[in-house]
Amino acid sequence: MAQRVVVTLSDDIDGGDAAETVSFGLDGRSYEIDLNTANAKKLRVALAPYMEAGRKQSRSGKVYRRTAVAPDPAAVRAWARSNGMEVPPRGRIPKKVYEAFNAVD
């Protein structure tokens, strides 16, 4: 048996049927709002002076977050052995060993 799923969008302002989803951003956050044609036009008219006065931001301007760098495995193994912990000579170092190593740091 076939099943048909129907998704209906409701206008987020007045609760009626929405014609489109409008995406916009402010203060570094992105928003989406479902609006009928009239409300979408009102939003665009309200934002038009700000959009005309503002600068377009390129999408390539991604924000890169600094990632934590894992400690050198050889140093962790040496530290673990000197502290009486068992670690394999090769392969993955157990999480509890890394946690103990980082706790001392």
PDB file of N, CA and C in Angstrom:
ATOM      1  N   MET A   1       0.850  -1.168   0.000  1.00  0.00           N
ATOM      2  CA  MET A   1       0.000   0.000   0.000  1.00  0.00           C
ATOM      3  C   MET A   1       0.900   1.237   0.000  1.00  0.00           C
ATOM      4  N   ALA A   2       0.602   2.182  -0.830  1.00  0.00           N
ATOM      5  CA  ALA A   2       1.364   3.426  -0.912  1.00  0.00           C
ATOM      6  C   ALA A   2       0.880   4.387   0.160  1.00  0.00           C
ATOM      7  N   GLN A   3       1.806   5.189   0.604  1.00  0.00           N
ATOM      8  CA  GLN A   3       1.471   6.175   1.616  1.00  0.00           C
ATOM      9  C   GLN A   3       1.865   7.537   1.080  1.00  0.00           C
ATOM     10  N   ARG A   4       1.060   8.532   1.306  1.00  0.00           N
ATOM     11  CA  ARG A   4       1.360   9.868   0.835  1.00  0.00           C
ATOM     12  C   ARG A   4       1.418  10.790   2.042  1.00  0.00           C
ATOM     13  N   VAL A   5       2.524  11.506   2.174  1.00  0.00           N
ATOM     14  CA  VAL A   5       2.702  12.433   3.279  1.00  0.00           C
ATOM     15  C   VAL A   5       2.571  13.846   2.727  1.00  0.00           C
ATOM     16  N   VAL A   6       1.734  14.633   3.346  1.00  0.00           N
ATOM     17  CA  VAL A   6       1.520  16.013   2.916  1.00  0.00           C
ATOM     18  C   VAL A   6       2.015  16.929   4.026  1.00  0.00           C
ATOM     19  N   VAL A   7       2.904  17.835   3.664  1.00  0.00           N
ATOM     20  CA  VAL A   7       3.427  18.809   4.621  1.00  0.00           C
ATOM     21  C   VAL A   7       2.796  20.154   4.292  1.00  0.00           C
ATOM     22  N   THR A   8       2.144  20.751   5.268  1.00  0.00           N
ATOM     23  CA  THR A   8       1.532  22.063   5.072  1.00  0.00           C
ATOM     24  C   THR A   8       2.264  23.067   5.939  1.00  0.00           C
ATOM     25  N   LEU A   9       2.655  24.169   5.337  1.00  0.00           N
ATOM     26  CA  LEU A   9       3.335  25.220   6.086  1.00  0.00           C
ATOM     27  C   LEU A   9       2.313  26.247   6.552  1.00  0.00           C
ATOM     28  N   SER A  10       2.448  26.655   7.804  1.00  0.00           N
ATOM     29  CA  SER A  10       1.584  27.690   8.359  1.00  0.00           C
ATOM     30  C   SER A  10       2.400  28.955   8.530  1.00  0.00           C
ATOM     31  N   ASP A  11       1.786  30.078   8.238  1.00  0.00           N
ATOM     32  CA  ASP A  11       2.442  31.367   8.402  1.00  0.00           C
ATOM     33  C   ASP A  11       2.755  31.563   9.885  1.00  0.00           C
ATOM     34  N   ASP A  12       4.015  31.841  10.188  1.00  0.00           N
ATOM     35  CA  ASP A  12       4.435  31.992  11.583  1.00  0.00           C
ATOM     36  C   ASP A  12       3.943  33.295  12.211  1.00  0.00           C
ATOM     37  N   ILE A  13       3.425  34.218  11.411  1.00  0.00           N
ATOM     38  CA  ILE A  13       2.925  35.482  11.947  1.00  0.00           C
ATOM     39  C   ILE A  13       1.418  35.421  12.204  1.00  0.00           C
ATOM     40  N   ASP A  14       0.650  34.997  11.201  1.00  0.00           N
ATOM     41  CA  ASP A  14      -0.805  35.037  11.369  1.00  0.00           C
ATOM     42  C   ASP A  14      -1.489  33.669  11.390  1.00  0.00           C
ATOM     43  N   GLY A  15      -0.723  32.592  11.235  1.00  0.00           N
ATOM     44  CA  GLY A  15      -1.296  31.259  11.335  1.00  0.00           C
ATOM     45  C   GLY A  15      -1.970  30.736  10.083  1.00  0.00           C
ATOM     46  N   GLY A  16      -2.078  31.559   9.039  1.00  0.00           N
ATOM     47  CA  GLY A  16      -2.691  31.108   7.785  1.00  0.00           C
ATOM     48  C   GLY A  16      -1.740  30.217   7.003  1.00  0.00           C
ATOM     49  N   ASP A  17      -2.105  29.919   5.763  1.00  0.00           N
ATOM     50  CA  ASP A  17      -1.239  29.104   4.909  1.00  0.00           C
ATOM     51  C   ASP A  17      -0.009  29.905   4.496  1.00  0.00           C
ATOM     52  N   ALA A  18       1.143  29.286   4.585  1.00  0.00           N
ATOM     53  CA  ALA A  18       2.394  29.943   4.195  1.00  0.00           C
ATOM     54  C   ALA A  18       2.704  29.607   2.744  1.00  0.00           C
ATOM     55  N   ALA A  19       3.284  30.567   2.042  1.00  0.00           N
ATOM     56  CA  ALA A  19       3.639  30.365   0.640  1.00  0.00           C
ATOM     57  C   ALA A  19       5.116  30.051   0.477  1.00  0.00           C
ATOM     58  N   GLU A  20       5.939  30.467   1.441  1.00  0.00           N
ATOM     59  CA  GLU A  20       7.384  30.266   1.312  1.00  0.00           C
ATOM     60  C   GLU A  20       8.071  30.307   2.673  1.00  0.00           C
ATOM     61  N   THR A  21       9.283  29.796   2.688  1.00  0.00           N
ATOM     62  CA  THR A  21      10.139  29.877   3.866  1.00  0.00           C
ATOM     63  C   THR A  21      11.203  30.916   3.567  1.00  0.00           C
ATOM     64  N   VAL A  22      11.295  31.939   4.405  1.00  0.00           N
ATOM     65  CA  VAL A  22      12.258  33.020   4.212  1.00  0.00           C
ATOM     66  C   VAL A  22      13.399  32.818   5.200  1.00  0.00           C
ATOM     67  N   SER A  23      14.624  32.839   4.686  1.00  0.00           N
ATOM     68  CA  SER A  23      15.820  32.718   5.531  1.00  0.00           C
ATOM     69  C   SER A  23      16.461  34.088   5.668  1.00  0.00           C
ATOM     70  N   PHE A  24      16.943  34.402   6.865  1.00  0.00           N
ATOM     71  CA  PHE A  24      17.662  35.657   7.074  1.00  0.00           C
ATOM     72  C   PHE A  24      18.586  35.487   8.263  1.00  0.00           C
ATOM     73  N   GLY A  25      19.495  36.440   8.441  1.00  0.00           N
ATOM     74  CA  GLY A  25      20.442  36.354   9.540  1.00  0.00           C
ATOM     75  C   GLY A  25      20.565  37.681  10.258  1.00  0.00           C
ATOM     76  N   LEU A  26      20.902  37.614  11.533  1.00  0.00           N
ATOM     77  CA  LEU A  26      21.108  38.807  12.342  1.00  0.00           C
ATOM     78  C   LEU A  26      22.008  38.448  13.514  1.00  0.00           C
ATOM     79  N   ASP A  27      22.995  39.278  13.761  1.00  0.00           N
ATOM     80  CA  ASP A  27      23.919  39.084  14.885  1.00  0.00           C
ATOM     81  C   ASP A  27      24.581  37.716  14.867  1.00  0.00           C
ATOM     82  N   GLY A  28      24.947  37.259  13.669  1.00  0.00           N
ATOM     83  CA  GLY A  28      25.655  35.992  13.547  1.00  0.00           C
ATOM     84  C   GLY A  28      24.783  34.755  13.659  1.00  0.00           C
ATOM     85  N   ARG A  29      23.495  34.927  13.739  1.00  0.00           N
ATOM     86  CA  ARG A  29      22.582  33.788  13.843  1.00  0.00           C
ATOM     87  C   ARG A  29      21.710  33.729  12.601  1.00  0.00           C
ATOM     88  N   SER A  30      21.364  32.536  12.175  1.00  0.00           N
ATOM     89  CA  SER A  30      20.517  32.333  11.004  1.00  0.00           C
ATOM     90  C   SER A  30      19.112  31.947  11.447  1.00  0.00           C
ATOM     91  N   TYR A  31      18.131  32.476  10.727  1.00  0.00           N
ATOM     92  CA  TYR A  31      16.733  32.223  11.057  1.00  0.00           C
ATOM     93  C   TYR A  31      15.978  31.803   9.802  1.00  0.00           C
ATOM     94  N   GLU A  32      14.899  31.078   9.988  1.00  0.00           N
ATOM     95  CA  GLU A  32      13.956  30.745   8.926  1.00  0.00           C
ATOM     96  C   GLU A  32      12.566  31.010   9.461  1.00  0.00           C
ATOM     97  N   ILE A  33      11.722  31.562   8.603  1.00  0.00           N
ATOM     98  CA  ILE A  33      10.350  31.837   9.006  1.00  0.00           C
ATOM     99  C   ILE A  33       9.439  31.501   7.829  1.00  0.00           C
ATOM    100  N   ASP A  34       8.328  30.852   8.108  1.00  0.00           N
ATOM    101  CA  ASP A  34       7.357  30.506   7.072  1.00  0.00           C
ATOM    102  C   ASP A  34       6.339  31.635   6.993  1.00  0.00           C
ATOM    103  N   LEU A  35       6.166  32.184   5.775  1.00  0.00           N
ATOM    104  CA  LEU A  35       5.289  33.341   5.602  1.00  0.00           C
ATOM    105  C   LEU A  35       4.421  33.197   4.362  1.00  0.00           C
ATOM    106  N   ASN A  36       3.249  33.855   4.403  1.00  0.00           N
ATOM    107  CA  ASN A  36       2.453  33.951   3.183  1.00  0.00           C
ATOM    108  C   ASN A  36       3.068  35.054   2.322  1.00  0.00           C
ATOM    109  N   THR A  37       2.565  35.228   1.127  1.00  0.00           N
ATOM    110  CA  THR A  37       3.155  36.179   0.185  1.00  0.00           C
ATOM    111  C   THR A  37       3.153  37.606   0.728  1.00  0.00           C
ATOM    112  N   ALA A  38       2.055  38.026   1.351  1.00  0.00           N
ATOM    113  CA  ALA A  38       1.949  39.394   1.866  1.00  0.00           C
ATOM    114  C   ALA A  38       2.940  39.635   3.005  1.00  0.00           C
ATOM    115  N   ASN A  39       3.032  38.704   3.940  1.00  0.00           N
ATOM    116  CA  ASN A  39       3.952  38.880   5.066  1.00  0.00           C
ATOM    117  C   ASN A  39       5.407  38.803   4.618  1.00  0.00           C
ATOM    118  N   ALA A  40       5.705  37.971   3.623  1.00  0.00           N
ATOM    119  CA  ALA A  40       7.066  37.902   3.096  1.00  0.00           C
ATOM    120  C   ALA A  40       7.442  39.234   2.465  1.00  0.00           C
ATOM    121  N   LYS A  41       6.495  39.843   1.754  1.00  0.00           N
ATOM    122  CA  LYS A  41       6.753  41.146   1.129  1.00  0.00           C
ATOM    123  C   LYS A  41       6.977  42.207   2.205  1.00  0.00           C
ATOM    124  N   LYS A  42       6.156  42.186   3.278  1.00  0.00           N
ATOM    125  CA  LYS A  42       6.315  43.152   4.376  1.00  0.00           C
ATOM    126  C   LYS A  42       7.705  43.027   5.002  1.00  0.00           C
ATOM    127  N   LEU A  43       8.161  41.790   5.210  1.00  0.00           N
ATOM    128  CA  LEU A  43       9.481  41.579   5.800  1.00  0.00           C
ATOM    129  C   LEU A  43      10.567  42.133   4.886  1.00  0.00           C
ATOM    130  N   ARG A  44      10.464  41.844   3.602  1.00  0.00           N
ATOM    131  CA  ARG A  44      11.472  42.326   2.648  1.00  0.00           C
ATOM    132  C   ARG A  44      11.471  43.854   2.565  1.00  0.00           C
ATOM    133  N   VAL A  45      10.295  44.467   2.594  1.00  0.00           N
ATOM    134  CA  VAL A  45      10.203  45.931   2.558  1.00  0.00           C
ATOM    135  C   VAL A  45      10.820  46.521   3.827  1.00  0.00           C
ATOM    136  N   ALA A  46      10.542  45.903   4.973  1.00  0.00           N
ATOM    137  CA  ALA A  46      11.081  46.403   6.245  1.00  0.00           C
ATOM    138  C   ALA A  46      12.604  46.292   6.296  1.00  0.00           C
ATOM    139  N   LEU A  47      13.152  45.222   5.715  1.00  0.00           N
ATOM    140  CA  LEU A  47      14.602  45.014   5.761  1.00  0.00           C
ATOM    141  C   LEU A  47      15.353  45.711   4.629  1.00  0.00           C
ATOM    142  N   ALA A  48      14.640  46.144   3.589  1.00  0.00           N
ATOM    143  CA  ALA A  48      15.280  46.712   2.401  1.00  0.00           C
ATOM    144  C   ALA A  48      16.253  47.852   2.705  1.00  0.00           C
ATOM    145  N   PRO A  49      15.906  48.857   3.527  1.00  0.00           N
ATOM    146  CA  PRO A  49      16.859  49.943   3.780  1.00  0.00           C
ATOM    147  C   PRO A  49      18.153  49.452   4.441  1.00  0.00           C
ATOM    148  N   TYR A  50      18.040  48.463   5.302  1.00  0.00           N
ATOM    149  CA  TYR A  50      19.215  47.926   5.985  1.00  0.00           C
ATOM    150  C   TYR A  50      20.069  47.103   5.028  1.00  0.00           C
ATOM    151  N   MET A  51      19.411  46.357   4.149  1.00  0.00           N
ATOM    152  CA  MET A  51      20.145  45.549   3.172  1.00  0.00           C
ATOM    153  C   MET A  51      20.869  46.437   2.170  1.00  0.00           C
ATOM    154  N   GLU A  52      20.224  47.536   1.760  1.00  0.00           N
ATOM    155  CA  GLU A  52      20.850  48.453   0.805  1.00  0.00           C
ATOM    156  C   GLU A  52      22.044  49.168   1.423  1.00  0.00           C
ATOM    157  N   ALA A  53      21.957  49.505   2.707  1.00  0.00           N
ATOM    158  CA  ALA A  53      23.045  50.218   3.373  1.00  0.00           C
ATOM    159  C   ALA A  53      24.162  49.282   3.824  1.00  0.00           C
ATOM    160  N   GLY A  54      23.854  48.014   3.968  1.00  0.00           N
ATOM    161  CA  GLY A  54      24.841  47.056   4.475  1.00  0.00           C
ATOM    162  C   GLY A  54      25.743  46.507   3.385  1.00  0.00           C
ATOM    163  N   ARG A  55      26.720  45.724   3.811  1.00  0.00           N
ATOM    164  CA  ARG A  55      27.646  45.045   2.900  1.00  0.00           C
ATOM    165  C   ARG A  55      27.273  43.580   2.839  1.00  0.00           C
ATOM    166  N   LYS A  56      27.406  42.994   1.659  1.00  0.00           N
ATOM    167  CA  LYS A  56      27.167  41.558   1.533  1.00  0.00           C
ATOM    168  C   LYS A  56      28.370  40.817   2.081  1.00  0.00           C
ATOM    169  N   GLN A  57      28.111  39.765   2.790  1.00  0.00           N
ATOM    170  CA  GLN A  57      29.183  38.931   3.320  1.00  0.00           C
ATOM    171  C   GLN A  57      29.292  37.708   2.431  1.00  0.00           C
ATOM    172  N   SER A  58      30.526  37.410   2.028  1.00  0.00           N
ATOM    173  CA  SER A  58      30.701  36.235   1.174  1.00  0.00           C
ATOM    174  C   SER A  58      30.498  34.973   1.996  1.00  0.00           C
ATOM    175  N   ARG A  59      30.009  33.955   1.359  1.00  0.00           N
ATOM    176  CA  ARG A  59      29.784  32.685   2.049  1.00  0.00           C
ATOM    177  C   ARG A  59      31.085  31.961   2.324  1.00  0.00           C
ATOM    178  N   SER A  60      32.152  32.362   1.647  1.00  0.00           N
ATOM    179  CA  SER A  60      33.424  31.675   1.857  1.00  0.00           C
ATOM    180  C   SER A  60      34.098  32.115   3.151  1.00  0.00           C
ATOM    181  N   GLY A  61      33.570  33.134   3.799  1.00  0.00           N
ATOM    182  CA  GLY A  61      34.155  33.614   5.042  1.00  0.00           C
ATOM    183  C   GLY A  61      33.773  32.744   6.218  1.00  0.00           C
ATOM    184  N   LYS A  62      34.144  31.493   6.167  1.00  0.00           N
ATOM    185  CA  LYS A  62      33.788  30.556   7.229  1.00  0.00           C
ATOM    186  C   LYS A  62      34.622  30.826   8.478  1.00  0.00           C
ATOM    187  N   VAL A  63      34.032  30.537   9.597  1.00  0.00           N
ATOM    188  CA  VAL A  63      34.724  30.673  10.869  1.00  0.00           C
ATOM    189  C   VAL A  63      35.323  29.319  11.215  1.00  0.00           C
ATOM    190  N   TYR A  64      36.616  29.308  11.397  1.00  0.00           N
ATOM    191  CA  TYR A  64      37.288  28.066  11.763  1.00  0.00           C
ATOM    192  C   TYR A  64      37.572  28.086  13.252  1.00  0.00           C
ATOM    193  N   ARG A  65      37.167  27.047  13.895  1.00  0.00           N
ATOM    194  CA  ARG A  65      37.405  26.946  15.334  1.00  0.00           C
ATOM    195  C   ARG A  65      38.706  26.196  15.579  1.00  0.00           C
ATOM    196  N   ARG A  66      39.388  26.622  16.588  1.00  0.00           N
ATOM    197  CA  ARG A  66      40.632  25.971  16.949  1.00  0.00           C
ATOM    198  C   ARG A  66      40.315  24.641  17.614  1.00  0.00           C
ATOM    199  N   THR A  67      40.958  23.608  17.163  1.00  0.00           N
ATOM    200  CA  THR A  67      40.718  22.291  17.748  1.00  0.00           C
ATOM    201  C   THR A  67      41.843  21.942  18.709  1.00  0.00           C
ATOM    202  N   ALA A  68      41.513  21.139  19.677  1.00  0.00           N
ATOM    203  CA  ALA A  68      42.520  20.714  20.643  1.00  0.00           C
ATOM    204  C   ALA A  68      43.489  19.744  19.972  1.00  0.00           C
ATOM    205  N   VAL A  69      44.737  19.870  20.324  1.00  0.00           N
ATOM    206  CA  VAL A  69      45.758  18.986  19.778  1.00  0.00           C
ATOM    207  C   VAL A  69      46.035  17.902  20.806  1.00  0.00           C
ATOM    208  N   ALA A  70      45.953  16.669  20.373  1.00  0.00           N
ATOM    209  CA  ALA A  70      46.200  15.545  21.274  1.00  0.00           C
ATOM    210  C   ALA A  70      47.682  15.491  21.626  1.00  0.00           C
ATOM    211  N   PRO A  71      48.005  15.112  22.848  1.00  0.00           N
ATOM    212  CA  PRO A  71      49.411  14.999  23.231  1.00  0.00           C
ATOM    213  C   PRO A  71      50.110  13.886  22.448  1.00  0.00           C
ATOM    214  N   ASP A  72      51.412  13.997  22.345  1.00  0.00           N
ATOM    215  CA  ASP A  72      52.222  13.015  21.627  1.00  0.00           C
ATOM    216  C   ASP A  72      52.047  11.636  22.270  1.00  0.00           C
ATOM    217  N   PRO A  73      51.619  10.634  21.496  1.00  0.00           N
ATOM    218  CA  PRO A  73      51.393   9.296  22.057  1.00  0.00           C
ATOM    219  C   PRO A  73      52.631   8.704  22.726  1.00  0.00           C
ATOM    220  N   ALA A  74      53.818   8.963  22.158  1.00  0.00           N
ATOM    221  CA  ALA A  74      55.046   8.435  22.767  1.00  0.00           C
ATOM    222  C   ALA A  74      55.255   9.033  24.157  1.00  0.00           C
ATOM    223  N   ALA A  75      54.963  10.324  24.293  1.00  0.00           N
ATOM    224  CA  ALA A  75      55.109  10.976  25.599  1.00  0.00           C
ATOM    225  C   ALA A  75      54.088  10.425  26.595  1.00  0.00           C
ATOM    226  N   VAL A  76      52.880  10.166  26.120  1.00  0.00           N
ATOM    227  CA  VAL A  76      51.839   9.614  26.997  1.00  0.00           C
ATOM    228  C   VAL A  76      52.225   8.212  27.452  1.00  0.00           C
ATOM    229  N   ARG A  77      52.739   7.397  26.522  1.00  0.00           N
ATOM    230  CA  ARG A  77      53.168   6.032  26.884  1.00  0.00           C
ATOM    231  C   ARG A  77      54.292   6.076  27.919  1.00  0.00           C
ATOM    232  N   ALA A  78      55.283   6.934  27.681  1.00  0.00           N
ATOM    233  CA  ALA A  78      56.411   7.040  28.616  1.00  0.00           C
ATOM    234  C   ALA A  78      55.927   7.494  29.988  1.00  0.00           C
ATOM    235  N   TRP A  79      55.056   8.486  30.013  1.00  0.00           N
ATOM    236  CA  TRP A  79      54.529   8.979  31.282  1.00  0.00           C
ATOM    237  C   TRP A  79      53.748   7.875  31.998  1.00  0.00           C
ATOM    238  N   ALA A  80      52.902   7.149  31.246  1.00  0.00           N
ATOM    239  CA  ALA A  80      52.084   6.095  31.849  1.00  0.00           C
ATOM    240  C   ALA A  80      52.955   4.995  32.439  1.00  0.00           C
ATOM    241  N   ARG A  81      53.985   4.574  31.699  1.00  0.00           N
ATOM    242  CA  ARG A  81      54.878   3.519  32.210  1.00  0.00           C
ATOM    243  C   ARG A  81      55.613   3.985  33.460  1.00  0.00           C
ATOM    244  N   SER A  82      56.061   5.255  33.461  1.00  0.00           N
ATOM    245  CA  SER A  82      56.792   5.764  34.630  1.00  0.00           C
ATOM    246  C   SER A  82      55.880   5.910  35.848  1.00  0.00           C
ATOM    247  N   ASN A  83      54.566   5.917  35.613  1.00  0.00           N
ATOM    248  CA  ASN A  83      53.604   6.010  36.712  1.00  0.00           C
ATOM    249  C   ASN A  83      52.914   4.680  36.991  1.00  0.00           C
ATOM    250  N   GLY A  84      53.496   3.594  36.481  1.00  0.00           N
ATOM    251  CA  GLY A  84      53.005   2.258  36.789  1.00  0.00           C
ATOM    252  C   GLY A  84      51.733   1.847  36.066  1.00  0.00           C
ATOM    253  N   MET A  85      51.388   2.527  35.006  1.00  0.00           N
ATOM    254  CA  MET A  85      50.188   2.164  34.250  1.00  0.00           C
ATOM    255  C   MET A  85      50.585   1.259  33.097  1.00  0.00           C
ATOM    256  N   GLU A  86      49.719   0.315  32.767  1.00  0.00           N
ATOM    257  CA  GLU A  86      49.988  -0.578  31.647  1.00  0.00           C
ATOM    258  C   GLU A  86      49.437   0.032  30.364  1.00  0.00           C
ATOM    259  N   VAL A  87      50.317   0.131  29.372  1.00  0.00           N
ATOM    260  CA  VAL A  87      49.902   0.626  28.056  1.00  0.00           C
ATOM    261  C   VAL A  87      50.491  -0.282  26.988  1.00  0.00           C
ATOM    262  N   PRO A  88      49.770  -0.506  25.913  1.00  0.00           N
ATOM    263  CA  PRO A  88      50.309  -1.350  24.844  1.00  0.00           C
ATOM    264  C   PRO A  88      51.471  -0.639  24.145  1.00  0.00           C
ATOM    265  N   PRO A  89      52.453  -1.404  23.650  1.00  0.00           N
ATOM    266  CA  PRO A  89      53.596  -0.776  22.977  1.00  0.00           C
ATOM    267  C   PRO A  89      53.204  -0.111  21.659  1.00  0.00           C
ATOM    268  N   ARG A  90      52.111  -0.570  21.043  1.00  0.00           N
ATOM    269  CA  ARG A  90      51.617   0.016  19.792  1.00  0.00           C
ATOM    270  C   ARG A  90      50.102   0.099  19.859  1.00  0.00           C
ATOM    271  N   GLY A  91      49.552   0.852  18.947  1.00  0.00           N
ATOM    272  CA  GLY A  91      48.095   0.914  18.855  1.00  0.00           C
ATOM    273  C   GLY A  91      47.475   1.968  19.752  1.00  0.00           C
ATOM    274  N   ARG A  92      46.201   1.802  19.961  1.00  0.00           N
ATOM    275  CA  ARG A  92      45.404   2.786  20.688  1.00  0.00           C
ATOM    276  C   ARG A  92      45.757   2.817  22.175  1.00  0.00           C
ATOM    277  N   ILE A  93      45.874   4.019  22.692  1.00  0.00           N
ATOM    278  CA  ILE A  93      46.124   4.211  24.124  1.00  0.00           C
ATOM    279  C   ILE A  93      44.759   4.342  24.800  1.00  0.00           C
ATOM    280  N   PRO A  94      44.528   3.609  25.881  1.00  0.00           N
ATOM    281  CA  PRO A  94      43.224   3.672  26.552  1.00  0.00           C
ATOM    282  C   PRO A  94      42.861   5.095  26.993  1.00  0.00           C
ATOM    283  N   LYS A  95      41.577   5.386  26.946  1.00  0.00           N
ATOM    284  CA  LYS A  95      41.070   6.710  27.302  1.00  0.00           C
ATOM    285  C   LYS A  95      41.443   7.091  28.731  1.00  0.00           C
ATOM    286  N   LYS A  96      41.398   6.113  29.650  1.00  0.00           N
ATOM    287  CA  LYS A  96      41.710   6.420  31.058  1.00  0.00           C
ATOM    288  C   LYS A  96      43.151   6.892  31.214  1.00  0.00           C
ATOM    289  N   VAL A  97      44.060   6.401  30.333  1.00  0.00           N
ATOM    290  CA  VAL A  97      45.462   6.841  30.389  1.00  0.00           C
ATOM    291  C   VAL A  97      45.556   8.296  29.948  1.00  0.00           C
ATOM    292  N   TYR A  98      44.873   8.638  28.836  1.00  0.00           N
ATOM    293  CA  TYR A  98      44.859  10.034  28.380  1.00  0.00           C
ATOM    294  C   TYR A  98      44.248  10.949  29.435  1.00  0.00           C
ATOM    295  N   GLU A  99      43.164  10.501  30.059  1.00  0.00           N
ATOM    296  CA  GLU A  99      42.513  11.317  31.088  1.00  0.00           C
ATOM    297  C   GLU A  99      43.446  11.569  32.261  1.00  0.00           C
ATOM    298  N   ALA A 100      44.170  10.529  32.690  1.00  0.00           N
ATOM    299  CA  ALA A 100      45.121  10.693  33.794  1.00  0.00           C
ATOM    300  C   ALA A 100      46.255  11.624  33.384  1.00  0.00           C
ATOM    301  N   PHE A 101      46.742  11.479  32.160  1.00  0.00           N
ATOM    302  CA  PHE A 101      47.821  12.331  31.649  1.00  0.00           C
ATOM    303  C   PHE A 101      47.374  13.794  31.616  1.00  0.00           C
ATOM    304  N   ASN A 102      46.167  14.041  31.117  1.00  0.00           N
ATOM    305  CA  ASN A 102      45.662  15.414  31.025  1.00  0.00           C
ATOM    306  C   ASN A 102      45.342  16.003  32.392  1.00  0.00           C
ATOM    307  N   ALA A 103      44.971  15.164  33.351  1.00  0.00           N
ATOM    308  CA  ALA A 103      44.654  15.651  34.697  1.00  0.00           C
ATOM    309  C   ALA A 103      45.890  16.188  35.393  1.00  0.00           C
ATOM    310  N   VAL A 104      47.056  15.618  35.071  1.00  0.00           N
ATOM    311  CA  VAL A 104      48.304  16.056  35.697  1.00  0.00           C
ATOM    312  C   VAL A 104      48.771  17.369  35.100  1.00  0.00           C
ATOM    313  N   ASP A 105      48.469  17.570  33.838  1.00  0.00           N
ATOM    314  CA  ASP A 105      48.921  18.772  33.119  1.00  0.00           C
ATOM    315  C   ASP A 105      48.441  20.033  33.719  1.00  0.00           C
TER     316      ASP A 105
END
